[in-house]
Structures are given as structure tokens and as C-alpha cells.
Amino acid sequence: MSEAAPNSSMPENDRQKLLKGEAIIKTLFLDDDIIDTSGSIFVAAPPETVWSVLTDYDHLSESIPKVVESRVIEEKGDEKVLEQTGKSGILFFEKSVHIVLRVKEIFPRSLTFNIIEGDFKIYRGQWKFEPSGSDDGTFLSWKAVLKPDFFAPPLLVSFVQHQDLPTILETIKNLAETRKPNPEI
């Protein structure tokens, strides 16, 4: 059994589910049609390796599902501005969304993001990379508060998050677990 990481805010039952290979997705409906959503997964790779997958911003569209385009348009040390286009939907109904995000990097612990402009009125959140303790793995978490700037009932937005987020997390997990460690990190 894995030791809990110091200062962990994750409930022990969630940690155990993640260690068994489950992804955990949670959604809350807030006032004014705002969605609070989160997803977590255990990755059998150190935080630095998971970090290298998620911060390869200019190549995310080549490896992460639903990302059509991603590129850094401004860089100031640990702050980046990204322009991204994603595509999602249900059955035959797909919607492309465009966003420009400000990302604050705290290596290798978190990536905090906030929308500057795009197809969301609200889109802010964080990726967290929590070392798992004794087994050299990472609890990867994504949490965001969002509200589209187009008509989309909250129930539909929630459904799309529950449909897409597990696939995205599994892809990141697989990429990190098969990536050779980069000695330059």
C-alpha cells in the first residue's frame, strides 16, 4: 500500500480508487449555469514526466484527444499565453471552441489557467501534480469552473465533461507512463 503524500488534500477512499486504476470525475452545478468539474487519475510516472506531457503546449493537438490546435502565443518565464481550439460533442453534434488562456506554471506542482478571451464566459482552473509517496507515481487532477459563452444547457455541458475527461486523462496517463524521463527537466 502506498504512503499518503505529505499535505495531501485528497480523501483516502479517492486515493485508493485511483491506485486501482479508476478515473474519478465529479461535477457540481453552481448558480448562473456555472459548472464546477474535476477529474483525477493515477499515473505511474513521476510528476516531472507528467508535467512534460502537459506542457508540450505546441504539440498537444498531436497527442491529446479533443485538442485540435494548441500553441504558445506569449511567454514570460513561468507565465504562458496559449491559444487553443478544441472539438467536442454528442453523437453527430460537434462544436469547436476557441480559447486564449493565461497559464501560470509552478514546476512540477501545478498549472493554473484562466481565460483571456474565447468561447467561454468563465473558464478557469488548475492541473495539480501530487506525488503519490513511495511508489514514484503521480495523482494528476484537473479542476475547472466554466460557463460557455454560447447556448449549452448545464446538463449537456456536464455530460460532455463526463464523456471527454476520462479519455483525456487516460491519454495523458498512457503518454506519461511510456515516456522516457528527460534528464534536462
C-alpha atoms as a PDB file:
ATOM      1  CA  MET A   1       0.000   0.000   0.000  1.00  0.00           C
ATOM      2  CA  SER A   2       1.210   3.465  -0.876  1.00  0.00           C
ATOM      3  CA  GLU A   3       2.058   6.053   1.697  1.00  0.00           C
ATOM      4  CA  ALA A   4      -0.037   9.197   1.512  1.00  0.00           C
ATOM      5  CA  ALA A   5       1.857  12.158   0.178  1.00  0.00           C
ATOM      6  CA  PRO A   6       2.563  14.892   2.730  1.00  0.00           C
ATOM      7  CA  ASN A   7      -0.104  17.609   2.901  1.00  0.00           C
ATOM      8  CA  SER A   8      -2.441  15.630   0.647  1.00  0.00           C
ATOM      9  CA  SER A   9      -5.915  17.078   0.358  1.00  0.00           C
ATOM     10  CA  MET A  10      -7.312  14.017  -1.423  1.00  0.00           C
ATOM     11  CA  PRO A  11      -9.676  11.763   0.562  1.00  0.00           C
ATOM     12  CA  GLU A  12      -8.153   8.334   1.234  1.00  0.00           C
ATOM     13  CA  ASN A  13     -11.031   6.472  -0.471  1.00  0.00           C
ATOM     14  CA  ASP A  14     -10.413   8.502  -3.664  1.00  0.00           C
ATOM     15  CA  ARG A  15      -6.683   7.724  -3.455  1.00  0.00           C
ATOM     16  CA  GLN A  16      -7.435   4.012  -3.212  1.00  0.00           C
ATOM     17  CA  LYS A  17      -9.807   4.114  -6.218  1.00  0.00           C
ATOM     18  CA  LEU A  18      -7.173   5.946  -8.256  1.00  0.00           C
ATOM     19  CA  LEU A  19      -4.456   3.467  -7.267  1.00  0.00           C
ATOM     20  CA  LYS A  20      -6.738   0.664  -8.533  1.00  0.00           C
ATOM     21  CA  GLY A  21      -6.821   2.343 -11.958  1.00  0.00           C
ATOM     22  CA  GLU A  22     -10.117   4.228 -11.778  1.00  0.00           C
ATOM     23  CA  ALA A  23     -10.504   7.791 -13.026  1.00  0.00           C
ATOM     24  CA  ILE A  24     -12.695   9.956 -10.817  1.00  0.00           C
ATOM     25  CA  ILE A  25     -14.889  12.607 -12.416  1.00  0.00           C
ATOM     26  CA  LYS A  26     -17.064  14.968 -10.372  1.00  0.00           C
ATOM     27  CA  THR A  27     -19.426  17.740 -11.422  1.00  0.00           C
ATOM     28  CA  LEU A  28     -21.279  20.362  -9.435  1.00  0.00           C
ATOM     29  CA  PHE A  29     -23.931  22.725 -10.756  1.00  0.00           C
ATOM     30  CA  LEU A  30     -23.410  26.258  -9.435  1.00  0.00           C
ATOM     31  CA  ASP A  31     -25.638  29.327  -9.724  1.00  0.00           C
ATOM     32  CA  ASP A  32     -25.964  31.160 -13.045  1.00  0.00           C
ATOM     33  CA  ASP A  33     -25.363  27.981 -15.141  1.00  0.00           C
ATOM     34  CA  ILE A  34     -21.744  27.677 -13.997  1.00  0.00           C
ATOM     35  CA  ILE A  35     -20.264  24.168 -13.918  1.00  0.00           C
ATOM     36  CA  ASP A  36     -17.598  23.114 -11.417  1.00  0.00           C
ATOM     37  CA  THR A  37     -15.957  19.969 -12.724  1.00  0.00           C
ATOM     38  CA  SER A  38     -12.950  17.896 -11.770  1.00  0.00           C
ATOM     39  CA  GLY A  39     -11.150  14.764 -12.815  1.00  0.00           C
ATOM     40  CA  SER A  40      -8.319  12.739 -11.308  1.00  0.00           C
ATOM     41  CA  ILE A  41      -6.214   9.765 -12.318  1.00  0.00           C
ATOM     42  CA  PHE A  42      -3.142   7.945 -11.006  1.00  0.00           C
ATOM     43  CA  VAL A  43      -0.138   7.949 -13.321  1.00  0.00           C
ATOM     44  CA  ALA A  44       2.722   5.510 -12.730  1.00  0.00           C
ATOM     45  CA  ALA A  45       5.323   8.156 -13.536  1.00  0.00           C
ATOM     46  CA  PRO A  46       6.909  10.982 -11.543  1.00  0.00           C
ATOM     47  CA  PRO A  47       5.304  14.455 -11.589  1.00  0.00           C
ATOM     48  CA  GLU A  48       8.120  15.799 -13.791  1.00  0.00           C
ATOM     49  CA  THR A  49       7.271  13.298 -16.537  1.00  0.00           C
ATOM     50  CA  VAL A  50       3.534  14.041 -16.375  1.00  0.00           C
ATOM     51  CA  TRP A  51       4.426  17.739 -16.420  1.00  0.00           C
ATOM     52  CA  SER A  52       6.446  17.271 -19.623  1.00  0.00           C
ATOM     53  CA  VAL A  53       3.383  15.773 -21.356  1.00  0.00           C
ATOM     54  CA  LEU A  54       1.037  18.607 -20.375  1.00  0.00           C
ATOM     55  CA  THR A  55       3.469  21.472 -21.001  1.00  0.00           C
ATOM     56  CA  ASP A  56       4.341  20.390 -24.526  1.00  0.00           C
ATOM     57  CA  TYR A  57       1.792  23.038 -25.495  1.00  0.00           C
ATOM     58  CA  ASP A  58       2.653  23.325 -29.184  1.00  0.00           C
ATOM     59  CA  HIS A  59       2.159  19.573 -29.690  1.00  0.00           C
ATOM     60  CA  LEU A  60      -0.945  18.845 -27.580  1.00  0.00           C
ATOM     61  CA  SER A  61      -3.093  18.572 -30.711  1.00  0.00           C
ATOM     62  CA  GLU A  62      -0.924  15.678 -31.890  1.00  0.00           C
ATOM     63  CA  SER A  63      -1.417  13.633 -28.749  1.00  0.00           C
ATOM     64  CA  ILE A  64      -4.428  14.719 -26.668  1.00  0.00           C
ATOM     65  CA  PRO A  65      -7.954  13.886 -27.861  1.00  0.00           C
ATOM     66  CA  LYS A  66     -10.324  16.801 -28.423  1.00  0.00           C
ATOM     67  CA  VAL A  67      -7.433  19.277 -28.860  1.00  0.00           C
ATOM     68  CA  VAL A  68      -7.486  20.439 -32.483  1.00  0.00           C
ATOM     69  CA  GLU A  69      -4.894  23.198 -32.161  1.00  0.00           C
ATOM     70  CA  SER A  70      -2.631  24.444 -29.381  1.00  0.00           C
ATOM     71  CA  ARG A  71       0.205  26.933 -29.459  1.00  0.00           C
ATOM     72  CA  VAL A  72       2.087  29.304 -27.199  1.00  0.00           C
ATOM     73  CA  ILE A  73       1.495  32.883 -28.343  1.00  0.00           C
ATOM     74  CA  GLU A  74       3.317  34.638 -25.496  1.00  0.00           C
ATOM     75  CA  GLU A  75       5.886  33.531 -22.956  1.00  0.00           C
ATOM     76  CA  LYS A  76       7.202  35.359 -19.888  1.00  0.00           C
ATOM     77  CA  GLY A  77       9.109  32.910 -17.692  1.00  0.00           C
ATOM     78  CA  ASP A  78       6.620  30.766 -15.792  1.00  0.00           C
ATOM     79  CA  GLU A  79       3.636  32.521 -17.408  1.00  0.00           C
ATOM     80  CA  LYS A  80       2.427  31.495 -20.841  1.00  0.00           C
ATOM     81  CA  VAL A  81      -0.442  32.587 -23.044  1.00  0.00           C
ATOM     82  CA  LEU A  82      -1.901  29.728 -25.079  1.00  0.00           C
ATOM     83  CA  GLU A  83      -4.286  29.756 -27.979  1.00  0.00           C
ATOM     84  CA  GLN A  84      -6.258  26.538 -28.241  1.00  0.00           C
ATOM     85  CA  THR A  85      -9.086  25.092 -30.269  1.00  0.00           C
ATOM     86  CA  GLY A  86     -10.963  22.036 -29.126  1.00  0.00           C
ATOM     87  CA  LYS A  87     -13.798  19.968 -30.511  1.00  0.00           C
ATOM     88  CA  SER A  88     -16.393  18.071 -28.570  1.00  0.00           C
ATOM     89  CA  GLY A  89     -19.956  16.954 -28.778  1.00  0.00           C
ATOM     90  CA  ILE A  90     -22.501  14.216 -28.563  1.00  0.00           C
ATOM     91  CA  LEU A  91     -23.249  11.782 -31.391  1.00  0.00           C
ATOM     92  CA  PHE A  92     -23.466  13.812 -34.613  1.00  0.00           C
ATOM     93  CA  PHE A  93     -23.433  17.210 -32.924  1.00  0.00           C
ATOM     94  CA  GLU A  94     -19.930  18.595 -32.598  1.00  0.00           C
ATOM     95  CA  LYS A  95     -18.879  22.053 -31.527  1.00  0.00           C
ATOM     96  CA  SER A  96     -15.488  23.684 -31.953  1.00  0.00           C
ATOM     97  CA  VAL A  97     -14.431  26.068 -29.211  1.00  0.00           C
ATOM     98  CA  HIS A  98     -11.617  28.572 -29.265  1.00  0.00           C
ATOM     99  CA  ILE A  99      -9.904  29.975 -26.166  1.00  0.00           C
ATOM    100  CA  VAL A 100      -6.905  32.050 -25.223  1.00  0.00           C
ATOM    101  CA  LEU A 101      -5.617  31.087 -21.769  1.00  0.00           C
ATOM    102  CA  ARG A 102      -3.122  32.588 -19.368  1.00  0.00           C
ATOM    103  CA  VAL A 103      -1.226  29.727 -17.713  1.00  0.00           C
ATOM    104  CA  LYS A 104       0.892  30.094 -14.571  1.00  0.00           C
ATOM    105  CA  GLU A 105       3.389  27.252 -14.099  1.00  0.00           C
ATOM    106  CA  ILE A 106       4.679  26.139 -10.704  1.00  0.00           C
ATOM    107  CA  PHE A 107       7.068  23.323 -11.638  1.00  0.00           C
ATOM    108  CA  PRO A 108       6.289  20.462 -11.079  1.00  0.00           C
ATOM    109  CA  ARG A 109       3.246  21.042  -8.854  1.00  0.00           C
ATOM    110  CA  SER A 110       0.570  22.948 -10.773  1.00  0.00           C
ATOM    111  CA  LEU A 111      -0.594  24.674 -13.918  1.00  0.00           C
ATOM    112  CA  THR A 112      -3.194  27.348 -13.160  1.00  0.00           C
ATOM    113  CA  PHE A 113      -5.204  28.664 -16.091  1.00  0.00           C
ATOM    114  CA  ASN A 114      -7.682  31.468 -16.721  1.00  0.00           C
ATOM    115  CA  ILE A 115      -9.414  32.513 -19.921  1.00  0.00           C
ATOM    116  CA  ILE A 116      -8.394  35.791 -21.522  1.00  0.00           C
ATOM    117  CA  GLU A 117     -10.825  35.523 -24.436  1.00  0.00           C
ATOM    118  CA  GLY A 118     -12.801  32.939 -26.330  1.00  0.00           C
ATOM    119  CA  ASP A 119     -15.965  30.897 -26.376  1.00  0.00           C
ATOM    120  CA  PHE A 120     -16.417  30.774 -22.588  1.00  0.00           C
ATOM    121  CA  LYS A 121     -17.610  33.485 -20.219  1.00  0.00           C
ATOM    122  CA  ILE A 122     -15.823  31.629 -17.423  1.00  0.00           C
ATOM    123  CA  TYR A 123     -13.021  29.099 -17.836  1.00  0.00           C
ATOM    124  CA  ARG A 124     -10.507  28.902 -15.007  1.00  0.00           C
ATOM    125  CA  GLY A 125      -8.901  26.132 -13.080  1.00  0.00           C
ATOM    126  CA  GLN A 126      -5.821  24.120 -12.354  1.00  0.00           C
ATOM    127  CA  TRP A 127      -3.900  20.959 -13.138  1.00  0.00           C
ATOM    128  CA  LYS A 128      -2.255  19.540  -9.996  1.00  0.00           C
ATOM    129  CA  PHE A 129       0.590  17.026  -9.900  1.00  0.00           C
ATOM    130  CA  GLU A 130       0.686  15.329  -6.490  1.00  0.00           C
ATOM    131  CA  PRO A 131       3.471  12.822  -5.796  1.00  0.00           C
ATOM    132  CA  SER A 132       1.927   9.576  -4.596  1.00  0.00           C
ATOM    133  CA  GLY A 133       4.538   8.840  -1.977  1.00  0.00           C
ATOM    134  CA  SER A 134       6.604   5.683  -2.012  1.00  0.00           C
ATOM    135  CA  ASP A 135       5.728   4.318  -5.461  1.00  0.00           C
ATOM    136  CA  ASP A 136       7.118   7.144  -7.676  1.00  0.00           C
ATOM    137  CA  GLY A 137       3.732   7.905  -9.192  1.00  0.00           C
ATOM    138  CA  THR A 138       1.572  10.994  -9.560  1.00  0.00           C
ATOM    139  CA  PHE A 139      -2.014  11.780  -8.701  1.00  0.00           C
ATOM    140  CA  LEU A 140      -2.982  14.051 -11.596  1.00  0.00           C
ATOM    141  CA  SER A 141      -6.003  16.281 -11.038  1.00  0.00           C
ATOM    142  CA  TRP A 142      -7.817  18.772 -13.236  1.00  0.00           C
ATOM    143  CA  LYS A 143     -10.365  21.136 -11.767  1.00  0.00           C
ATOM    144  CA  ALA A 144     -12.192  23.930 -13.567  1.00  0.00           C
ATOM    145  CA  VAL A 145     -15.107  26.280 -13.252  1.00  0.00           C
ATOM    146  CA  LEU A 146     -16.670  27.007 -16.609  1.00  0.00           C
ATOM    147  CA  LYS A 147     -19.570  28.643 -18.361  1.00  0.00           C
ATOM    148  CA  PRO A 148     -19.872  28.642 -22.156  1.00  0.00           C
ATOM    149  CA  ASP A 149     -20.493  31.904 -23.981  1.00  0.00           C
ATOM    150  CA  PHE A 150     -22.888  30.052 -26.306  1.00  0.00           C
ATOM    151  CA  PHE A 151     -26.148  28.246 -25.645  1.00  0.00           C
ATOM    152  CA  ALA A 152     -25.421  24.973 -23.877  1.00  0.00           C
ATOM    153  CA  PRO A 153     -27.637  23.712 -21.053  1.00  0.00           C
ATOM    154  CA  PRO A 154     -25.594  22.881 -17.914  1.00  0.00           C
ATOM    155  CA  LEU A 155     -26.739  19.254 -18.056  1.00  0.00           C
ATOM    156  CA  LEU A 156     -25.289  18.963 -21.567  1.00  0.00           C
ATOM    157  CA  VAL A 157     -22.015  20.632 -20.517  1.00  0.00           C
ATOM    158  CA  SER A 158     -21.784  18.206 -17.592  1.00  0.00           C
ATOM    159  CA  PHE A 159     -22.469  15.221 -19.856  1.00  0.00           C
ATOM    160  CA  VAL A 160     -19.723  16.285 -22.265  1.00  0.00           C
ATOM    161  CA  GLN A 161     -17.258  16.653 -19.363  1.00  0.00           C
ATOM    162  CA  HIS A 162     -18.125  13.161 -18.089  1.00  0.00           C
ATOM    163  CA  GLN A 163     -17.712  11.803 -21.618  1.00  0.00           C
ATOM    164  CA  ASP A 164     -14.468  13.564 -22.612  1.00  0.00           C
ATOM    165  CA  LEU A 165     -12.465  13.966 -19.411  1.00  0.00           C
ATOM    166  CA  PRO A 166     -11.796  10.252 -18.741  1.00  0.00           C
ATOM    167  CA  THR A 167     -10.447   9.809 -22.286  1.00  0.00           C
ATOM    168  CA  ILE A 168      -8.199  12.851 -21.944  1.00  0.00           C
ATOM    169  CA  LEU A 169      -6.884  11.729 -18.547  1.00  0.00           C
ATOM    170  CA  GLU A 170      -6.260   8.165 -19.789  1.00  0.00           C
ATOM    171  CA  THR A 171      -4.333   9.528 -22.771  1.00  0.00           C
ATOM    172  CA  ILE A 172      -2.135  11.705 -20.559  1.00  0.00           C
ATOM    173  CA  LYS A 173      -1.575   8.694 -18.266  1.00  0.00           C
ATOM    174  CA  ASN A 174      -0.545   6.466 -21.188  1.00  0.00           C
ATOM    175  CA  LEU A 175       1.745   9.112 -22.684  1.00  0.00           C
ATOM    176  CA  ALA A 176       3.500   9.773 -19.359  1.00  0.00           C
ATOM    177  CA  GLU A 177       3.858   6.092 -18.482  1.00  0.00           C
ATOM    178  CA  THR A 178       5.514   5.319 -21.820  1.00  0.00           C
ATOM    179  CA  ARG A 179       7.679   8.462 -21.953  1.00  0.00           C
ATOM    180  CA  LYS A 180      11.314   8.107 -21.091  1.00  0.00           C
ATOM    181  CA  PRO A 181      12.379  10.508 -18.330  1.00  0.00           C
ATOM    182  CA  ASN A 182      14.011  13.673 -19.616  1.00  0.00           C
ATOM    183  CA  PRO A 183      17.288  14.321 -17.751  1.00  0.00           C
ATOM    184  CA  GLU A 184      17.077  18.053 -18.667  1.00  0.00           C
ATOM    185  CA  ILE A 185      13.956  18.575 -16.502  1.00  0.00           C
END
